[in-house]
Every structure is written in structure tokens, then in C-alpha cells.
Amino acid sequence: MLKGKICFVSGAARGKGNGRAIALKLAKKGADVAVGDILYEEAAGVAEEIKAMGRKSIAVKMDVSSYEDVKNGFDEIKKELGSVDILINNAAIMNKMASISSLKIESWEKEVAVNLSGAFYCVKQVFDDMLKKKWGRIINISSVAGSMGGYGQCSYASSKAGLSGLTKTIALEGARAGITANTVTLGVIGTDAFDALPEQAQTSILKRVAVKREGEPGDVASMVAYLVSDEAKYVTGANMMVTGGLDLFVF
């Protein structure tokens, strides 16, 4: 149980998104949850769902690519709920796919800013408090693109790969203070983004998945719930794969 713990989940506004599923799961486990997203009204709706469970929750409008925005958001969370014990860096974007030759510099910079720098900015806001408490859980949500690459996904793949190094460094620096840090690497998950793809594209992608179907946001939330629990207190610096075998050799 996570009673008495305060959690922050970034990118948690989407109705069928991983962030929302994670936020609701952790609330069910007893945590009070702050919901962050650039889409404030949708995030507020998720916060209301959490309050209906009898937990405390606030929505925070936050563009994680802006350090000032992140700092102001965490100041608000600390004022309303207290210092964050559990950080879930879920917010991410994938701009229009483009080959290296045609990738615009601003597209590269924006994806890296949201997907990688944003995670670091959030860690900066919680790490010292976790050190003082001698307890903390940090989860970075990554993608198989970070280890497998992705045609036309240079900036996305690079930013997701960077999360692995960030996670391991956090794990090392927090190890003696009761802080664990782990990466959850995702394959094809049936989110709003996947549903928006043309049917032909969905079929083509799923052919590469060993189990031949997409995962569910609930699958992601269950992995996260395990990693932040005391059952996983000896797991740190790990990369947990939630891919349905997409990362395996398939024929």
C-alpha cells in the first residue's frame, strides 16, 4: 500500500493514456496523486477521478520542456500536497517522423527537451527532498525505440535512449538513501496515439509483436505500481520491458 505517499505523474491527461492509468492505479494503492499535463482541463478531470476514490489530488498545468514551468508546478504541489515521494516521468512527444536528412533542428530540440530534459527537470525538483526522507521512487517511461532505433524517429529514439543513462545515474546517487530509480520500456500500447494510426499501420506494427496484439495502459500501470511498492525495494537501475515481445526476434 502507498498510504501517506505523494505521487506526481507527468503527461497524465489523455483519456486512454498510460499516464492516466498510472495515476489512477497509484491512487487505488493509497497514494495522493498530483496530475501534470500541458492539457490542464483534461488533467483536472483525472484529478477529480482520484478525489472520488477518497484520495487527495490536484491538477497542474505543466510544460515539462520549460524548467521554470516545472519548478512552479512542483512548488504548487508541495504547497497543496507536500513533497513528492514517487515521481513518474511519463510525458513525451513524437513530432512528425522525418529522416535524419530532413529532420528540422527545432523538431530535434523540442523532442529532446520534452522527453529527456523534462524528466531531468522533474528529478531535480524531488531528489533533495527524497534524500532528506531517506525514501523515494523514480520511474522513467521509455520506449523500445530507445534501444532498437526507429526509422524516421531519430530525436525520439535518442531522447528515450538517454533516459536509460539518466535512470542508472539516479539509481547510483540515491542507492544509499533508500531511493530507487527504474526504467519501464514500452512496446505497442493501445493508447489514443496508437488508435489514431491508420488500420494498415497498426496491422503492420503488430506483426512484429510476439504476442500479436497491443498491450493495455493497465499493463504499464501494473508494472509501475510494482516498482514503487516495498515489494520492489531491492530493484533499482533496472529496465523493465513491457513490450509483448516486440524486442525479440520475430519471424
C-alpha atoms as a PDB file:
ATOM      1  CA  MET A   1       0.000   0.000   0.000  1.00  0.00           C
ATOM      2  CA  LEU A   2       1.081   3.566  -0.698  1.00  0.00           C
ATOM      3  CA  LYS A   3      -0.927   5.325   2.006  1.00  0.00           C
ATOM      4  CA  GLY A   4       0.768   8.552   3.042  1.00  0.00           C
ATOM      5  CA  LYS A   5       2.848   8.752  -0.127  1.00  0.00           C
ATOM      6  CA  ILE A   6       2.603  11.667  -2.538  1.00  0.00           C
ATOM      7  CA  CYS A   7       2.993  10.952  -6.222  1.00  0.00           C
ATOM      8  CA  PHE A   8       3.401  13.048  -9.345  1.00  0.00           C
ATOM      9  CA  VAL A   9       2.653  11.703 -12.829  1.00  0.00           C
ATOM     10  CA  SER A  10       3.525  13.818 -15.857  1.00  0.00           C
ATOM     11  CA  GLY A  11       1.613  13.537 -19.115  1.00  0.00           C
ATOM     12  CA  ALA A  12      -1.424  12.102 -17.345  1.00  0.00           C
ATOM     13  CA  ALA A  13      -4.332  13.828 -19.088  1.00  0.00           C
ATOM     14  CA  ARG A  14      -5.129  11.546 -22.025  1.00  0.00           C
ATOM     15  CA  GLY A  15      -8.317   9.536 -21.613  1.00  0.00           C
ATOM     16  CA  LYS A  16      -6.717   6.323 -22.851  1.00  0.00           C
ATOM     17  CA  GLY A  17      -3.165   7.191 -21.959  1.00  0.00           C
ATOM     18  CA  ASN A  18      -0.539   5.454 -19.877  1.00  0.00           C
ATOM     19  CA  GLY A  19      -0.207   8.440 -17.559  1.00  0.00           C
ATOM     20  CA  ARG A  20      -3.871   8.443 -16.566  1.00  0.00           C
ATOM     21  CA  ALA A  21      -3.808   4.681 -15.987  1.00  0.00           C
ATOM     22  CA  ILE A  22      -0.729   5.027 -13.782  1.00  0.00           C
ATOM     23  CA  ALA A  23      -2.201   7.907 -11.786  1.00  0.00           C
ATOM     24  CA  LEU A  24      -5.441   6.018 -11.109  1.00  0.00           C
ATOM     25  CA  LYS A  25      -3.584   2.812 -10.215  1.00  0.00           C
ATOM     26  CA  LEU A  26      -1.365   4.523  -7.666  1.00  0.00           C
ATOM     27  CA  ALA A  27      -4.370   6.299  -6.179  1.00  0.00           C
ATOM     28  CA  LYS A  28      -6.092   2.916  -5.788  1.00  0.00           C
ATOM     29  CA  LYS A  29      -2.993   1.743  -3.938  1.00  0.00           C
ATOM     30  CA  GLY A  30      -3.460   4.608  -1.477  1.00  0.00           C
ATOM     31  CA  ALA A  31      -1.257   7.430  -2.788  1.00  0.00           C
ATOM     32  CA  ASP A  32      -2.276  11.055  -3.111  1.00  0.00           C
ATOM     33  CA  VAL A  33      -1.564  11.980  -6.711  1.00  0.00           C
ATOM     34  CA  ALA A  34      -0.718  15.218  -8.500  1.00  0.00           C
ATOM     35  CA  VAL A  35      -1.572  15.085 -12.194  1.00  0.00           C
ATOM     36  CA  GLY A  36       0.581  17.098 -14.564  1.00  0.00           C
ATOM     37  CA  ASP A  37      -0.015  17.891 -18.208  1.00  0.00           C
ATOM     38  CA  ILE A  38       0.015  20.749 -20.668  1.00  0.00           C
ATOM     39  CA  LEU A  39      -3.688  19.918 -21.214  1.00  0.00           C
ATOM     40  CA  TYR A  40      -4.966  21.342 -17.927  1.00  0.00           C
ATOM     41  CA  GLU A  41      -8.706  20.730 -18.280  1.00  0.00           C
ATOM     42  CA  GLU A  42      -8.195  17.059 -19.105  1.00  0.00           C
ATOM     43  CA  ALA A  43      -5.715  16.720 -16.224  1.00  0.00           C
ATOM     44  CA  ALA A  44      -8.264  18.300 -13.901  1.00  0.00           C
ATOM     45  CA  GLY A  45     -10.742  15.615 -14.928  1.00  0.00           C
ATOM     46  CA  VAL A  46      -8.281  12.899 -13.911  1.00  0.00           C
ATOM     47  CA  ALA A  47      -7.709  14.670 -10.587  1.00  0.00           C
ATOM     48  CA  GLU A  48     -11.457  14.580  -9.961  1.00  0.00           C
ATOM     49  CA  GLU A  49     -11.495  10.831 -10.630  1.00  0.00           C
ATOM     50  CA  ILE A  50      -8.794  10.419  -7.996  1.00  0.00           C
ATOM     51  CA  LYS A  51     -10.648  12.572  -5.477  1.00  0.00           C
ATOM     52  CA  ALA A  52     -13.707  10.387  -5.994  1.00  0.00           C
ATOM     53  CA  MET A  53     -11.607   7.497  -4.646  1.00  0.00           C
ATOM     54  CA  GLY A  54     -11.123   9.399  -1.409  1.00  0.00           C
ATOM     55  CA  ARG A  55      -7.549  10.440  -2.184  1.00  0.00           C
ATOM     56  CA  LYS A  56      -6.119  13.953  -2.395  1.00  0.00           C
ATOM     57  CA  SER A  57      -5.263  15.206  -5.869  1.00  0.00           C
ATOM     58  CA  ILE A  58      -4.524  18.366  -7.814  1.00  0.00           C
ATOM     59  CA  ALA A  59      -4.012  19.063 -11.496  1.00  0.00           C
ATOM     60  CA  VAL A  60      -1.020  21.117 -12.535  1.00  0.00           C
ATOM     61  CA  LYS A  61      -0.627  22.703 -15.953  1.00  0.00           C
ATOM     62  CA  MET A  62       2.964  21.962 -16.856  1.00  0.00           C
ATOM     63  CA  ASP A  63       5.125  22.067 -19.957  1.00  0.00           C
ATOM     64  CA  VAL A  64       7.996  19.849 -18.835  1.00  0.00           C
ATOM     65  CA  SER A  65      10.293  21.293 -21.512  1.00  0.00           C
ATOM     66  CA  SER A  66      10.333  24.544 -19.511  1.00  0.00           C
ATOM     67  CA  TYR A  67      12.378  24.413 -16.307  1.00  0.00           C
ATOM     68  CA  GLU A  68      10.539  27.431 -14.928  1.00  0.00           C
ATOM     69  CA  ASP A  69       7.190  25.764 -15.628  1.00  0.00           C
ATOM     70  CA  VAL A  70       8.356  22.586 -13.895  1.00  0.00           C
ATOM     71  CA  LYS A  71       9.665  24.476 -10.859  1.00  0.00           C
ATOM     72  CA  ASN A  72       6.448  26.463 -10.485  1.00  0.00           C
ATOM     73  CA  GLY A  73       4.388  23.289 -10.827  1.00  0.00           C
ATOM     74  CA  PHE A  74       6.296  21.455  -8.119  1.00  0.00           C
ATOM     75  CA  ASP A  75       6.114  24.491  -5.846  1.00  0.00           C
ATOM     76  CA  GLU A  76       2.326  24.282  -6.175  1.00  0.00           C
ATOM     77  CA  ILE A  77       2.311  20.540  -5.491  1.00  0.00           C
ATOM     78  CA  LYS A  78       4.457  20.971  -2.389  1.00  0.00           C
ATOM     79  CA  LYS A  79       2.187  23.712  -1.101  1.00  0.00           C
ATOM     80  CA  GLU A  80      -1.030  21.740  -1.657  1.00  0.00           C
ATOM     81  CA  LEU A  81       0.026  18.127  -1.004  1.00  0.00           C
ATOM     82  CA  GLY A  82       3.583  18.092   0.308  1.00  0.00           C
ATOM     83  CA  SER A  83       6.907  16.970  -1.130  1.00  0.00           C
ATOM     84  CA  VAL A  84       6.773  14.255  -3.773  1.00  0.00           C
ATOM     85  CA  ASP A  85       7.759  10.711  -2.752  1.00  0.00           C
ATOM     86  CA  ILE A  86       7.043   8.992  -6.070  1.00  0.00           C
ATOM     87  CA  LEU A  87       7.897  10.545  -9.440  1.00  0.00           C
ATOM     88  CA  ILE A  88       6.647   9.076 -12.704  1.00  0.00           C
ATOM     89  CA  ASN A  89       8.188  10.740 -15.757  1.00  0.00           C
ATOM     90  CA  ASN A  90       5.674   9.775 -18.422  1.00  0.00           C
ATOM     91  CA  ALA A  91       5.278  12.932 -20.527  1.00  0.00           C
ATOM     92  CA  ALA A  92       6.609  12.523 -24.059  1.00  0.00           C
ATOM     93  CA  ILE A  93       6.020  13.654 -27.612  1.00  0.00           C
ATOM     94  CA  MET A  94       6.842  12.322 -31.040  1.00  0.00           C
ATOM     95  CA  ASN A  95       6.754  15.041 -33.666  1.00  0.00           C
ATOM     96  CA  LYS A  96       6.221  14.273 -37.335  1.00  0.00           C
ATOM     97  CA  MET A  97       8.530  11.448 -38.336  1.00  0.00           C
ATOM     98  CA  ALA A  98      11.414  12.543 -40.528  1.00  0.00           C
ATOM     99  CA  SER A  99      14.645  11.083 -41.819  1.00  0.00           C
ATOM    100  CA  ILE A 100      17.919  12.449 -40.494  1.00  0.00           C
ATOM    101  CA  SER A 101      18.397  14.421 -43.702  1.00  0.00           C
ATOM    102  CA  SER A 102      15.029  16.141 -43.422  1.00  0.00           C
ATOM    103  CA  LEU A 103      14.708  16.413 -39.635  1.00  0.00           C
ATOM    104  CA  LYS A 104      14.430  20.052 -38.614  1.00  0.00           C
ATOM    105  CA  ILE A 105      16.647  21.271 -35.794  1.00  0.00           C
ATOM    106  CA  GLU A 106      13.682  22.700 -33.899  1.00  0.00           C
ATOM    107  CA  SER A 107      11.945  19.315 -34.020  1.00  0.00           C
ATOM    108  CA  TRP A 108      15.029  17.603 -32.588  1.00  0.00           C
ATOM    109  CA  GLU A 109      15.355  20.203 -29.838  1.00  0.00           C
ATOM    110  CA  LYS A 110      11.678  20.049 -28.846  1.00  0.00           C
ATOM    111  CA  GLU A 111      11.533  16.250 -28.561  1.00  0.00           C
ATOM    112  CA  VAL A 112      14.749  16.087 -26.549  1.00  0.00           C
ATOM    113  CA  ALA A 113      13.513  18.948 -24.352  1.00  0.00           C
ATOM    114  CA  VAL A 114      10.229  17.217 -23.512  1.00  0.00           C
ATOM    115  CA  ASN A 115      11.292  13.580 -23.419  1.00  0.00           C
ATOM    116  CA  LEU A 116      14.715  13.827 -21.769  1.00  0.00           C
ATOM    117  CA  SER A 117      15.330  17.270 -20.304  1.00  0.00           C
ATOM    118  CA  GLY A 118      11.784  17.302 -18.923  1.00  0.00           C
ATOM    119  CA  ALA A 119      12.446  14.118 -16.970  1.00  0.00           C
ATOM    120  CA  PHE A 120      15.673  15.587 -15.566  1.00  0.00           C
ATOM    121  CA  TYR A 121      13.925  18.836 -14.609  1.00  0.00           C
ATOM    122  CA  CYS A 122      11.329  16.874 -12.629  1.00  0.00           C
ATOM    123  CA  VAL A 123      14.002  14.774 -10.913  1.00  0.00           C
ATOM    124  CA  LYS A 124      15.790  17.980  -9.861  1.00  0.00           C
ATOM    125  CA  GLN A 125      12.626  19.118  -8.074  1.00  0.00           C
ATOM    126  CA  VAL A 126      12.183  15.997  -5.944  1.00  0.00           C
ATOM    127  CA  PHE A 127      15.614  14.471  -5.390  1.00  0.00           C
ATOM    128  CA  ASP A 128      16.816  16.562  -2.438  1.00  0.00           C
ATOM    129  CA  ASP A 129      13.567  16.002  -0.542  1.00  0.00           C
ATOM    130  CA  MET A 130      13.857  12.263  -1.170  1.00  0.00           C
ATOM    131  CA  LEU A 131      17.417  12.325   0.171  1.00  0.00           C
ATOM    132  CA  LYS A 132      16.200  14.015   3.349  1.00  0.00           C
ATOM    133  CA  LYS A 133      13.389  11.486   3.803  1.00  0.00           C
ATOM    134  CA  LYS A 134      15.674   8.539   3.002  1.00  0.00           C
ATOM    135  CA  TRP A 135      12.960   7.213   0.685  1.00  0.00           C
ATOM    136  CA  GLY A 136      11.915   7.778  -2.900  1.00  0.00           C
ATOM    137  CA  ARG A 137      10.775   6.109  -6.104  1.00  0.00           C
ATOM    138  CA  ILE A 138      11.544   7.437  -9.575  1.00  0.00           C
ATOM    139  CA  ILE A 139      10.241   5.777 -12.746  1.00  0.00           C
ATOM    140  CA  ASN A 140      11.135   6.918 -16.252  1.00  0.00           C
ATOM    141  CA  ILE A 141       8.837   5.689 -19.020  1.00  0.00           C
ATOM    142  CA  SER A 142      10.840   4.806 -22.125  1.00  0.00           C
ATOM    143  CA  SER A 143      10.278   3.060 -25.447  1.00  0.00           C
ATOM    144  CA  VAL A 144      11.801   0.213 -27.452  1.00  0.00           C
ATOM    145  CA  ALA A 145      12.804   2.943 -29.898  1.00  0.00           C
ATOM    146  CA  GLY A 146      15.482   3.868 -27.370  1.00  0.00           C
ATOM    147  CA  SER A 147      17.214   0.511 -27.763  1.00  0.00           C
ATOM    148  CA  MET A 148      16.094  -0.581 -31.243  1.00  0.00           C
ATOM    149  CA  GLY A 149      16.090   2.765 -33.001  1.00  0.00           C
ATOM    150  CA  GLY A 150      13.280   3.829 -35.269  1.00  0.00           C
ATOM    151  CA  TYR A 151      13.254   4.795 -38.932  1.00  0.00           C
ATOM    152  CA  GLY A 152      12.310   8.473 -39.038  1.00  0.00           C
ATOM    153  CA  GLN A 153      12.488   8.660 -35.223  1.00  0.00           C
ATOM    154  CA  CYS A 154      15.990   9.996 -34.685  1.00  0.00           C
ATOM    155  CA  SER A 155      15.141  12.554 -31.987  1.00  0.00           C
ATOM    156  CA  TYR A 156      12.517  10.378 -30.302  1.00  0.00           C
ATOM    157  CA  ALA A 157      14.772   7.311 -30.165  1.00  0.00           C
ATOM    158  CA  SER A 158      17.732   9.342 -28.949  1.00  0.00           C
ATOM    159  CA  SER A 159      15.741  11.010 -26.181  1.00  0.00           C
ATOM    160  CA  LYS A 160      14.347   7.669 -24.999  1.00  0.00           C
ATOM    161  CA  ALA A 161      17.807   6.105 -25.045  1.00  0.00           C
ATOM    162  CA  GLY A 162      19.033   8.972 -22.889  1.00  0.00           C
ATOM    163  CA  LEU A 163      16.526   8.053 -20.185  1.00  0.00           C
ATOM    164  CA  SER A 164      18.411   4.820 -19.565  1.00  0.00           C
ATOM    165  CA  GLY A 165      21.609   6.633 -18.597  1.00  0.00           C
ATOM    166  CA  LEU A 166      19.654   9.136 -16.519  1.00  0.00           C
ATOM    167  CA  THR A 167      17.882   6.341 -14.640  1.00  0.00           C
ATOM    168  CA  LYS A 168      21.085   4.454 -13.828  1.00  0.00           C
ATOM    169  CA  THR A 169      22.757   7.623 -12.560  1.00  0.00           C
ATOM    170  CA  ILE A 170      19.784   8.417 -10.320  1.00  0.00           C
ATOM    171  CA  ALA A 171      19.875   4.840  -9.029  1.00  0.00           C
ATOM    172  CA  LEU A 172      23.560   5.133  -8.140  1.00  0.00           C
ATOM    173  CA  GLU A 173      23.250   8.503  -6.439  1.00  0.00           C
ATOM    174  CA  GLY A 174      20.157   7.508  -4.490  1.00  0.00           C
ATOM    175  CA  ALA A 175      21.062   3.926  -3.598  1.00  0.00           C
ATOM    176  CA  ARG A 176      22.262   4.599  -0.050  1.00  0.00           C
ATOM    177  CA  ALA A 177      19.373   6.907   0.728  1.00  0.00           C
ATOM    178  CA  GLY A 178      16.527   4.497   0.089  1.00  0.00           C
ATOM    179  CA  ILE A 179      15.814   5.927  -3.370  1.00  0.00           C
ATOM    180  CA  THR A 180      15.235   3.542  -6.263  1.00  0.00           C
ATOM    181  CA  ALA A 181      15.098   4.508  -9.923  1.00  0.00           C
ATOM    182  CA  ASN A 182      13.988   2.267 -12.763  1.00  0.00           C
ATOM    183  CA  THR A 183      13.049   2.490 -16.414  1.00  0.00           C
ATOM    184  CA  VAL A 184       9.866   0.988 -17.840  1.00  0.00           C
ATOM    185  CA  THR A 185      10.336   0.405 -21.558  1.00  0.00           C
ATOM    186  CA  LEU A 186       7.175   0.143 -23.618  1.00  0.00           C
ATOM    187  CA  GLY A 187       6.354  -1.540 -26.883  1.00  0.00           C
ATOM    188  CA  VAL A 188       2.981  -1.172 -28.607  1.00  0.00           C
ATOM    189  CA  ILE A 189       0.387   0.004 -26.092  1.00  0.00           C
ATOM    190  CA  GLY A 190      -3.240   0.596 -27.082  1.00  0.00           C
ATOM    191  CA  THR A 191      -3.357   4.288 -26.222  1.00  0.00           C
ATOM    192  CA  ASP A 192      -5.126   7.146 -28.002  1.00  0.00           C
ATOM    193  CA  ALA A 193      -1.970   7.652 -30.063  1.00  0.00           C
ATOM    194  CA  PHE A 194      -1.945   4.056 -31.311  1.00  0.00           C
ATOM    195  CA  ASP A 195      -5.678   4.121 -32.028  1.00  0.00           C
ATOM    196  CA  ALA A 196      -5.143   7.207 -34.192  1.00  0.00           C
ATOM    197  CA  LEU A 197      -2.859   5.320 -36.574  1.00  0.00           C
ATOM    198  CA  PRO A 198      -4.330   4.024 -39.854  1.00  0.00           C
ATOM    199  CA  GLU A 199      -5.520   0.420 -39.590  1.00  0.00           C
ATOM    200  CA  GLN A 200      -2.906  -0.723 -42.084  1.00  0.00           C
ATOM    201  CA  ALA A 201      -0.144   0.809 -39.974  1.00  0.00           C
ATOM    202  CA  GLN A 202      -1.491  -0.856 -36.828  1.00  0.00           C
ATOM    203  CA  THR A 203      -1.564  -4.244 -38.538  1.00  0.00           C
ATOM    204  CA  SER A 204       1.977  -3.839 -39.824  1.00  0.00           C
ATOM    205  CA  ILE A 205       3.299  -2.893 -36.392  1.00  0.00           C
ATOM    206  CA  LEU A 206       1.522  -5.719 -34.577  1.00  0.00           C
ATOM    207  CA  LYS A 207       3.092  -8.284 -36.915  1.00  0.00           C
ATOM    208  CA  ARG A 208       6.394  -7.577 -35.166  1.00  0.00           C
ATOM    209  CA  VAL A 209       4.950  -8.210 -31.679  1.00  0.00           C
ATOM    210  CA  ALA A 210       5.486 -11.772 -30.451  1.00  0.00           C
ATOM    211  CA  VAL A 211       2.050 -11.962 -28.784  1.00  0.00           C
ATOM    212  CA  LYS A 212       0.434 -10.411 -31.887  1.00  0.00           C
ATOM    213  CA  ARG A 213      -1.579  -7.767 -30.045  1.00  0.00           C
ATOM    214  CA  GLU A 214      -1.100  -4.422 -28.371  1.00  0.00           C
ATOM    215  CA  GLY A 215      -0.711  -4.044 -24.631  1.00  0.00           C
ATOM    216  CA  GLU A 216      -3.038  -2.036 -22.423  1.00  0.00           C
ATOM    217  CA  PRO A 217      -2.302   1.078 -20.346  1.00  0.00           C
ATOM    218  CA  GLY A 218      -3.263  -1.063 -17.361  1.00  0.00           C
ATOM    219  CA  ASP A 219      -0.300  -3.341 -18.094  1.00  0.00           C
ATOM    220  CA  VAL A 220       2.006  -0.343 -17.816  1.00  0.00           C
ATOM    221  CA  ALA A 221       0.316   0.863 -14.631  1.00  0.00           C
ATOM    222  CA  SER A 222       0.693  -2.560 -13.004  1.00  0.00           C
ATOM    223  CA  MET A 223       4.439  -2.611 -13.674  1.00  0.00           C
ATOM    224  CA  VAL A 224       4.829   0.889 -12.265  1.00  0.00           C
ATOM    225  CA  ALA A 225       2.767   0.004  -9.182  1.00  0.00           C
ATOM    226  CA  TYR A 226       5.095  -2.928  -8.512  1.00  0.00           C
ATOM    227  CA  LEU A 227       8.268  -0.882  -8.900  1.00  0.00           C
ATOM    228  CA  VAL A 228       7.140   1.833  -6.474  1.00  0.00           C
ATOM    229  CA  SER A 229       5.995  -0.694  -3.854  1.00  0.00           C
ATOM    230  CA  ASP A 230       8.051  -2.117  -0.999  1.00  0.00           C
ATOM    231  CA  GLU A 231       7.979  -5.444  -2.844  1.00  0.00           C
ATOM    232  CA  ALA A 232      10.477  -3.904  -5.280  1.00  0.00           C
ATOM    233  CA  LYS A 233      12.667  -2.138  -2.728  1.00  0.00           C
ATOM    234  CA  TYR A 234      15.722  -4.127  -3.918  1.00  0.00           C
ATOM    235  CA  VAL A 235      15.116  -3.333  -7.602  1.00  0.00           C
ATOM    236  CA  THR A 236      16.982  -0.279  -8.840  1.00  0.00           C
ATOM    237  CA  GLY A 237      18.727   0.754 -12.048  1.00  0.00           C
ATOM    238  CA  ALA A 238      16.684  -1.857 -13.898  1.00  0.00           C
ATOM    239  CA  ASN A 239      14.988  -1.668 -17.274  1.00  0.00           C
ATOM    240  CA  MET A 240      11.633  -3.440 -17.134  1.00  0.00           C
ATOM    241  CA  MET A 241      10.267  -4.405 -20.551  1.00  0.00           C
ATOM    242  CA  VAL A 242       6.528  -4.133 -21.185  1.00  0.00           C
ATOM    243  CA  THR A 243       6.616  -4.979 -24.872  1.00  0.00           C
ATOM    244  CA  GLY A 244       4.747  -8.203 -25.550  1.00  0.00           C
ATOM    245  CA  GLY A 245       7.984  -9.461 -27.085  1.00  0.00           C
ATOM    246  CA  LEU A 246       8.365  -6.653 -29.630  1.00  0.00           C
ATOM    247  CA  ASP A 247      12.060  -6.542 -28.738  1.00  0.00           C
ATOM    248  CA  LEU A 248      12.502 -10.249 -29.547  1.00  0.00           C
ATOM    249  CA  PHE A 249      13.462 -11.767 -32.869  1.00  0.00           C
ATOM    250  CA  VAL A 250      10.129 -12.478 -34.574  1.00  0.00           C
ATOM    251  CA  PHE A 251       9.570 -14.471 -37.777  1.00  0.00           C
END
